[in-house]
N, C-alpha and C. Protein backbone atom coordinates (compact mmCIF):
# COMPACT_ATOMS: atom_id res chain seq x y z
N MET A 1 -13.87 -6.64 4.13
CA MET A 1 -13.81 -7.95 3.52
C MET A 1 -12.41 -8.51 3.73
N THR A 2 -12.33 -9.75 4.17
CA THR A 2 -11.02 -10.36 4.38
C THR A 2 -10.52 -10.95 3.07
N LEU A 3 -9.23 -11.23 3.05
CA LEU A 3 -8.65 -11.82 1.85
C LEU A 3 -9.28 -13.17 1.56
N SER A 4 -9.58 -13.95 2.62
CA SER A 4 -10.20 -15.26 2.41
C SER A 4 -11.54 -15.11 1.70
N ASN A 5 -12.33 -14.10 2.10
CA ASN A 5 -13.62 -13.88 1.45
C ASN A 5 -13.42 -13.44 0.00
N GLN A 6 -12.39 -12.61 -0.23
CA GLN A 6 -12.13 -12.14 -1.58
C GLN A 6 -11.91 -13.29 -2.54
N MET A 7 -11.22 -14.28 -2.11
CA MET A 7 -10.86 -15.37 -2.99
C MET A 7 -11.91 -16.49 -2.97
N ASN A 8 -12.92 -16.36 -2.11
CA ASN A 8 -14.01 -17.32 -2.03
C ASN A 8 -13.54 -18.74 -1.74
N GLU A 9 -12.51 -18.84 -0.93
CA GLU A 9 -12.05 -20.17 -0.54
C GLU A 9 -11.30 -20.02 0.77
N PRO A 10 -11.34 -21.03 1.63
CA PRO A 10 -10.60 -20.94 2.89
C PRO A 10 -9.11 -20.93 2.62
N MET A 11 -8.38 -20.27 3.50
CA MET A 11 -6.94 -20.16 3.35
C MET A 11 -6.23 -21.14 4.27
N SER A 12 -5.29 -21.85 3.75
CA SER A 12 -4.41 -22.66 4.57
C SER A 12 -3.24 -21.78 4.94
N LYS A 13 -2.41 -22.25 5.86
CA LYS A 13 -1.26 -21.44 6.26
C LYS A 13 -0.36 -21.15 5.06
N GLU A 14 -0.11 -22.14 4.24
CA GLU A 14 0.69 -21.93 3.04
C GLU A 14 0.13 -22.79 1.93
N ARG A 15 0.09 -22.22 0.75
CA ARG A 15 -0.40 -22.94 -0.42
C ARG A 15 0.71 -23.01 -1.44
N LYS A 16 0.76 -24.12 -2.12
CA LYS A 16 1.73 -24.29 -3.19
C LYS A 16 0.98 -24.30 -4.51
N PRO A 17 1.66 -23.93 -5.59
CA PRO A 17 0.96 -23.93 -6.86
C PRO A 17 0.47 -25.33 -7.21
N ASN A 18 -0.79 -25.43 -7.50
CA ASN A 18 -1.40 -26.70 -7.86
C ASN A 18 -2.73 -26.36 -8.53
N GLY A 19 -2.74 -26.34 -9.82
CA GLY A 19 -3.97 -25.96 -10.51
C GLY A 19 -4.24 -24.49 -10.28
N ASN A 20 -5.39 -24.16 -9.70
CA ASN A 20 -5.79 -22.78 -9.48
C ASN A 20 -5.40 -22.26 -8.10
N HIS A 21 -4.72 -23.05 -7.30
CA HIS A 21 -4.37 -22.60 -5.95
C HIS A 21 -3.24 -21.59 -6.00
N ARG A 22 -3.38 -20.57 -5.18
CA ARG A 22 -2.36 -19.54 -5.08
C ARG A 22 -1.43 -19.87 -3.93
N ARG A 23 -0.21 -19.37 -4.04
CA ARG A 23 0.74 -19.49 -2.94
C ARG A 23 0.45 -18.34 -1.99
N PHE A 24 -0.02 -18.66 -0.81
CA PHE A 24 -0.46 -17.64 0.12
C PHE A 24 -0.24 -18.09 1.55
N SER A 25 0.26 -17.18 2.38
CA SER A 25 0.45 -17.46 3.79
C SER A 25 -0.41 -16.48 4.60
N GLN A 26 -1.41 -17.01 5.28
CA GLN A 26 -2.27 -16.17 6.12
C GLN A 26 -1.47 -15.55 7.25
N GLU A 27 -0.52 -16.29 7.80
CA GLU A 27 0.34 -15.78 8.87
C GLU A 27 1.10 -14.54 8.40
N GLN A 28 1.70 -14.61 7.23
CA GLN A 28 2.45 -13.47 6.70
C GLN A 28 1.54 -12.28 6.44
N TYR A 29 0.37 -12.56 5.88
CA TYR A 29 -0.61 -11.49 5.62
C TYR A 29 -1.01 -10.81 6.93
N ASP A 30 -1.29 -11.58 7.96
CA ASP A 30 -1.71 -11.02 9.24
C ASP A 30 -0.63 -10.13 9.85
N VAL A 31 0.62 -10.56 9.77
CA VAL A 31 1.72 -9.74 10.30
C VAL A 31 1.81 -8.43 9.52
N LEU A 32 1.71 -8.49 8.20
CA LEU A 32 1.76 -7.27 7.38
C LEU A 32 0.64 -6.31 7.73
N LYS A 33 -0.56 -6.84 7.89
CA LYS A 33 -1.71 -5.99 8.23
C LYS A 33 -1.49 -5.30 9.58
N ARG A 34 -1.00 -6.04 10.57
CA ARG A 34 -0.72 -5.44 11.89
C ARG A 34 0.30 -4.32 11.76
N CYS A 35 1.36 -4.59 11.02
CA CYS A 35 2.42 -3.60 10.84
C CYS A 35 1.89 -2.37 10.10
N SER A 36 1.07 -2.58 9.09
CA SER A 36 0.51 -1.48 8.33
C SER A 36 -0.38 -0.61 9.22
N GLU A 37 -1.19 -1.24 10.05
CA GLU A 37 -2.07 -0.47 10.94
C GLU A 37 -1.26 0.40 11.89
N ARG A 38 -0.11 -0.10 12.33
CA ARG A 38 0.78 0.66 13.23
C ARG A 38 1.70 1.62 12.46
N LYS A 39 1.74 1.44 11.12
CA LYS A 39 2.67 2.18 10.27
C LYS A 39 4.11 1.97 10.75
N ASP A 40 4.42 0.71 11.05
CA ASP A 40 5.74 0.34 11.58
C ASP A 40 6.05 -1.08 11.13
N MET A 41 7.06 -1.25 10.29
CA MET A 41 7.42 -2.55 9.73
C MET A 41 8.43 -3.31 10.58
N THR A 42 8.70 -2.87 11.79
CA THR A 42 9.72 -3.50 12.64
C THR A 42 9.43 -4.99 12.84
N GLU A 43 8.21 -5.35 13.21
CA GLU A 43 7.87 -6.76 13.46
C GLU A 43 8.11 -7.61 12.21
N TRP A 44 7.65 -7.12 11.05
CA TRP A 44 7.82 -7.86 9.79
C TRP A 44 9.31 -8.03 9.46
N ASN A 45 10.05 -6.95 9.52
CA ASN A 45 11.46 -7.02 9.13
C ASN A 45 12.29 -7.86 10.10
N GLN A 46 11.95 -7.87 11.38
CA GLN A 46 12.63 -8.76 12.33
C GLN A 46 12.31 -10.22 12.00
N TRP A 47 11.05 -10.50 11.69
CA TRP A 47 10.65 -11.85 11.30
C TRP A 47 11.41 -12.28 10.05
N ARG A 48 11.52 -11.36 9.08
CA ARG A 48 12.24 -11.67 7.84
C ARG A 48 13.70 -12.01 8.10
N ARG A 49 14.36 -11.28 9.00
CA ARG A 49 15.76 -11.57 9.31
C ARG A 49 15.89 -12.95 9.93
N LYS A 50 14.96 -13.33 10.79
CA LYS A 50 15.01 -14.64 11.45
C LYS A 50 14.66 -15.76 10.48
N LYS A 51 13.75 -15.52 9.56
CA LYS A 51 13.23 -16.54 8.64
C LYS A 51 13.62 -16.21 7.20
N HIS A 52 14.85 -15.74 7.00
CA HIS A 52 15.26 -15.25 5.68
C HIS A 52 15.14 -16.29 4.57
N SER A 53 15.16 -17.57 4.90
CA SER A 53 15.05 -18.58 3.85
C SER A 53 13.60 -19.00 3.59
N LYS A 54 12.68 -18.56 4.41
CA LYS A 54 11.27 -18.90 4.23
C LYS A 54 10.67 -18.02 3.13
N PRO A 55 10.02 -18.62 2.13
CA PRO A 55 9.47 -17.81 1.04
C PRO A 55 8.30 -16.95 1.50
N ILE A 56 8.21 -15.77 0.91
CA ILE A 56 7.07 -14.89 1.16
C ILE A 56 6.01 -15.25 0.14
N LEU A 57 4.88 -15.73 0.63
CA LEU A 57 3.81 -16.25 -0.24
C LEU A 57 2.58 -15.37 -0.11
N LEU A 58 2.49 -14.37 -0.99
CA LEU A 58 1.38 -13.42 -0.94
C LEU A 58 0.75 -13.20 -2.31
N GLU A 59 0.64 -14.27 -3.07
CA GLU A 59 0.03 -14.17 -4.40
C GLU A 59 -1.43 -13.73 -4.27
N GLY A 60 -1.81 -12.77 -5.09
CA GLY A 60 -3.20 -12.33 -5.15
C GLY A 60 -3.64 -11.47 -3.98
N VAL A 61 -2.74 -11.09 -3.13
CA VAL A 61 -3.10 -10.33 -1.93
C VAL A 61 -3.52 -8.90 -2.31
N ASP A 62 -4.45 -8.35 -1.55
CA ASP A 62 -4.86 -6.95 -1.72
C ASP A 62 -4.20 -6.13 -0.61
N LEU A 63 -3.15 -5.41 -0.98
CA LEU A 63 -2.46 -4.52 -0.05
C LEU A 63 -2.60 -3.07 -0.50
N SER A 64 -3.62 -2.80 -1.30
CA SER A 64 -3.80 -1.45 -1.82
C SER A 64 -4.00 -0.47 -0.68
N GLY A 65 -3.26 0.63 -0.75
CA GLY A 65 -3.38 1.70 0.23
C GLY A 65 -2.72 1.42 1.58
N GLU A 66 -2.10 0.27 1.74
CA GLU A 66 -1.48 -0.06 3.03
C GLU A 66 -0.18 0.72 3.22
N HIS A 67 0.22 0.87 4.47
CA HIS A 67 1.47 1.55 4.82
C HIS A 67 2.53 0.49 5.07
N LEU A 68 3.36 0.27 4.05
CA LEU A 68 4.39 -0.77 4.12
C LEU A 68 5.79 -0.17 3.92
N GLU A 69 5.96 1.06 4.37
CA GLU A 69 7.26 1.71 4.22
C GLU A 69 8.35 0.83 4.85
N THR A 70 9.45 0.70 4.16
CA THR A 70 10.64 -0.05 4.57
C THR A 70 10.43 -1.57 4.64
N VAL A 71 9.36 -2.08 4.05
CA VAL A 71 9.10 -3.53 4.08
C VAL A 71 10.16 -4.28 3.28
N ASN A 72 10.55 -5.44 3.78
CA ASN A 72 11.50 -6.29 3.07
C ASN A 72 10.70 -7.36 2.32
N PHE A 73 10.50 -7.14 1.03
CA PHE A 73 9.82 -8.09 0.16
C PHE A 73 10.82 -8.76 -0.79
N TYR A 74 12.05 -8.92 -0.37
CA TYR A 74 13.07 -9.54 -1.20
C TYR A 74 12.60 -10.94 -1.62
N GLY A 75 12.49 -11.16 -2.93
CA GLY A 75 12.11 -12.46 -3.46
C GLY A 75 10.67 -12.86 -3.20
N ALA A 76 9.84 -11.95 -2.73
CA ALA A 76 8.45 -12.27 -2.38
C ALA A 76 7.62 -12.67 -3.59
N HIS A 77 6.70 -13.58 -3.38
CA HIS A 77 5.73 -13.97 -4.41
C HIS A 77 4.52 -13.05 -4.27
N LEU A 78 4.46 -12.06 -5.16
CA LEU A 78 3.39 -11.06 -5.16
C LEU A 78 2.64 -11.07 -6.49
N GLU A 79 2.64 -12.21 -7.16
CA GLU A 79 1.94 -12.32 -8.42
C GLU A 79 0.46 -11.97 -8.22
N ASN A 80 -0.09 -11.19 -9.14
CA ASN A 80 -1.51 -10.80 -9.12
C ASN A 80 -1.90 -10.00 -7.89
N ALA A 81 -0.93 -9.46 -7.17
CA ALA A 81 -1.23 -8.65 -5.97
C ALA A 81 -1.73 -7.27 -6.38
N ASP A 82 -2.55 -6.68 -5.54
CA ASP A 82 -2.99 -5.31 -5.74
C ASP A 82 -2.18 -4.42 -4.80
N LEU A 83 -1.26 -3.67 -5.38
CA LEU A 83 -0.38 -2.78 -4.62
C LEU A 83 -0.63 -1.32 -4.99
N GLN A 84 -1.81 -1.04 -5.54
CA GLN A 84 -2.14 0.33 -5.94
C GLN A 84 -2.20 1.22 -4.71
N GLU A 85 -1.55 2.37 -4.82
CA GLU A 85 -1.53 3.38 -3.75
C GLU A 85 -0.92 2.86 -2.45
N THR A 86 -0.18 1.77 -2.54
CA THR A 86 0.52 1.23 -1.37
C THR A 86 1.76 2.08 -1.10
N HIS A 87 2.00 2.38 0.14
CA HIS A 87 3.16 3.18 0.54
C HIS A 87 4.35 2.24 0.69
N LEU A 88 5.26 2.29 -0.28
CA LEU A 88 6.40 1.37 -0.33
C LEU A 88 7.74 2.12 -0.27
N GLU A 89 7.74 3.33 0.27
CA GLU A 89 8.96 4.10 0.34
C GLU A 89 10.05 3.31 1.06
N ASP A 90 11.26 3.34 0.51
CA ASP A 90 12.44 2.68 1.10
C ASP A 90 12.26 1.17 1.31
N SER A 91 11.41 0.54 0.52
CA SER A 91 11.18 -0.90 0.62
C SER A 91 12.12 -1.67 -0.29
N ASN A 92 12.32 -2.94 0.02
CA ASN A 92 13.17 -3.81 -0.80
C ASN A 92 12.27 -4.78 -1.58
N LEU A 93 12.21 -4.57 -2.88
CA LEU A 93 11.44 -5.45 -3.77
C LEU A 93 12.36 -6.21 -4.72
N SER A 94 13.64 -6.29 -4.37
CA SER A 94 14.59 -7.01 -5.22
C SER A 94 14.16 -8.45 -5.41
N PHE A 95 14.20 -8.90 -6.64
CA PHE A 95 13.86 -10.27 -7.02
C PHE A 95 12.43 -10.68 -6.65
N ALA A 96 11.58 -9.72 -6.35
CA ALA A 96 10.17 -10.03 -6.07
C ALA A 96 9.49 -10.47 -7.36
N HIS A 97 8.56 -11.38 -7.25
CA HIS A 97 7.78 -11.89 -8.37
C HIS A 97 6.52 -11.03 -8.47
N LEU A 98 6.47 -10.16 -9.47
CA LEU A 98 5.40 -9.17 -9.58
C LEU A 98 4.55 -9.34 -10.83
N GLN A 99 4.54 -10.55 -11.41
CA GLN A 99 3.76 -10.78 -12.62
C GLN A 99 2.29 -10.43 -12.37
N ASN A 100 1.76 -9.61 -13.26
CA ASN A 100 0.36 -9.19 -13.23
C ASN A 100 -0.04 -8.44 -11.96
N ALA A 101 0.92 -7.96 -11.19
CA ALA A 101 0.60 -7.14 -10.01
C ALA A 101 0.15 -5.76 -10.46
N LYS A 102 -0.77 -5.18 -9.72
CA LYS A 102 -1.23 -3.82 -10.00
C LYS A 102 -0.36 -2.88 -9.19
N LEU A 103 0.42 -2.07 -9.91
CA LEU A 103 1.39 -1.19 -9.26
C LEU A 103 1.13 0.29 -9.50
N SER A 104 0.15 0.64 -10.28
CA SER A 104 -0.06 2.05 -10.63
C SER A 104 -0.47 2.85 -9.40
N ARG A 105 -0.16 4.11 -9.44
CA ARG A 105 -0.50 5.09 -8.39
C ARG A 105 0.15 4.79 -7.05
N ASN A 106 1.28 4.08 -7.03
CA ASN A 106 1.98 3.84 -5.76
C ASN A 106 2.58 5.14 -5.25
N ALA A 107 2.56 5.27 -3.93
CA ALA A 107 3.17 6.45 -3.30
C ALA A 107 4.65 6.26 -3.19
């Protein structure tokens, strides 16, 4: 099941808070999924260095069980995200927005 199907609404590239809309970037999600499948965050972290002022918009994302070791989520919007059993060793979550995120059983 894709994230778009999970939320029962089509995803735009970026959403801003407006009523029930979540802040979400399909482009960012796709890069993370590719990196997780390879178990290598190099592509994501290089993108982050180049686009350091661009907000990370991943509200409500399901990243449970993904391999995100060394991911740079500095200041990321991860409200309502599912990060259960996500591999986050040596990751940067400084100033990340984690309201109502599911964090239990993280590796």
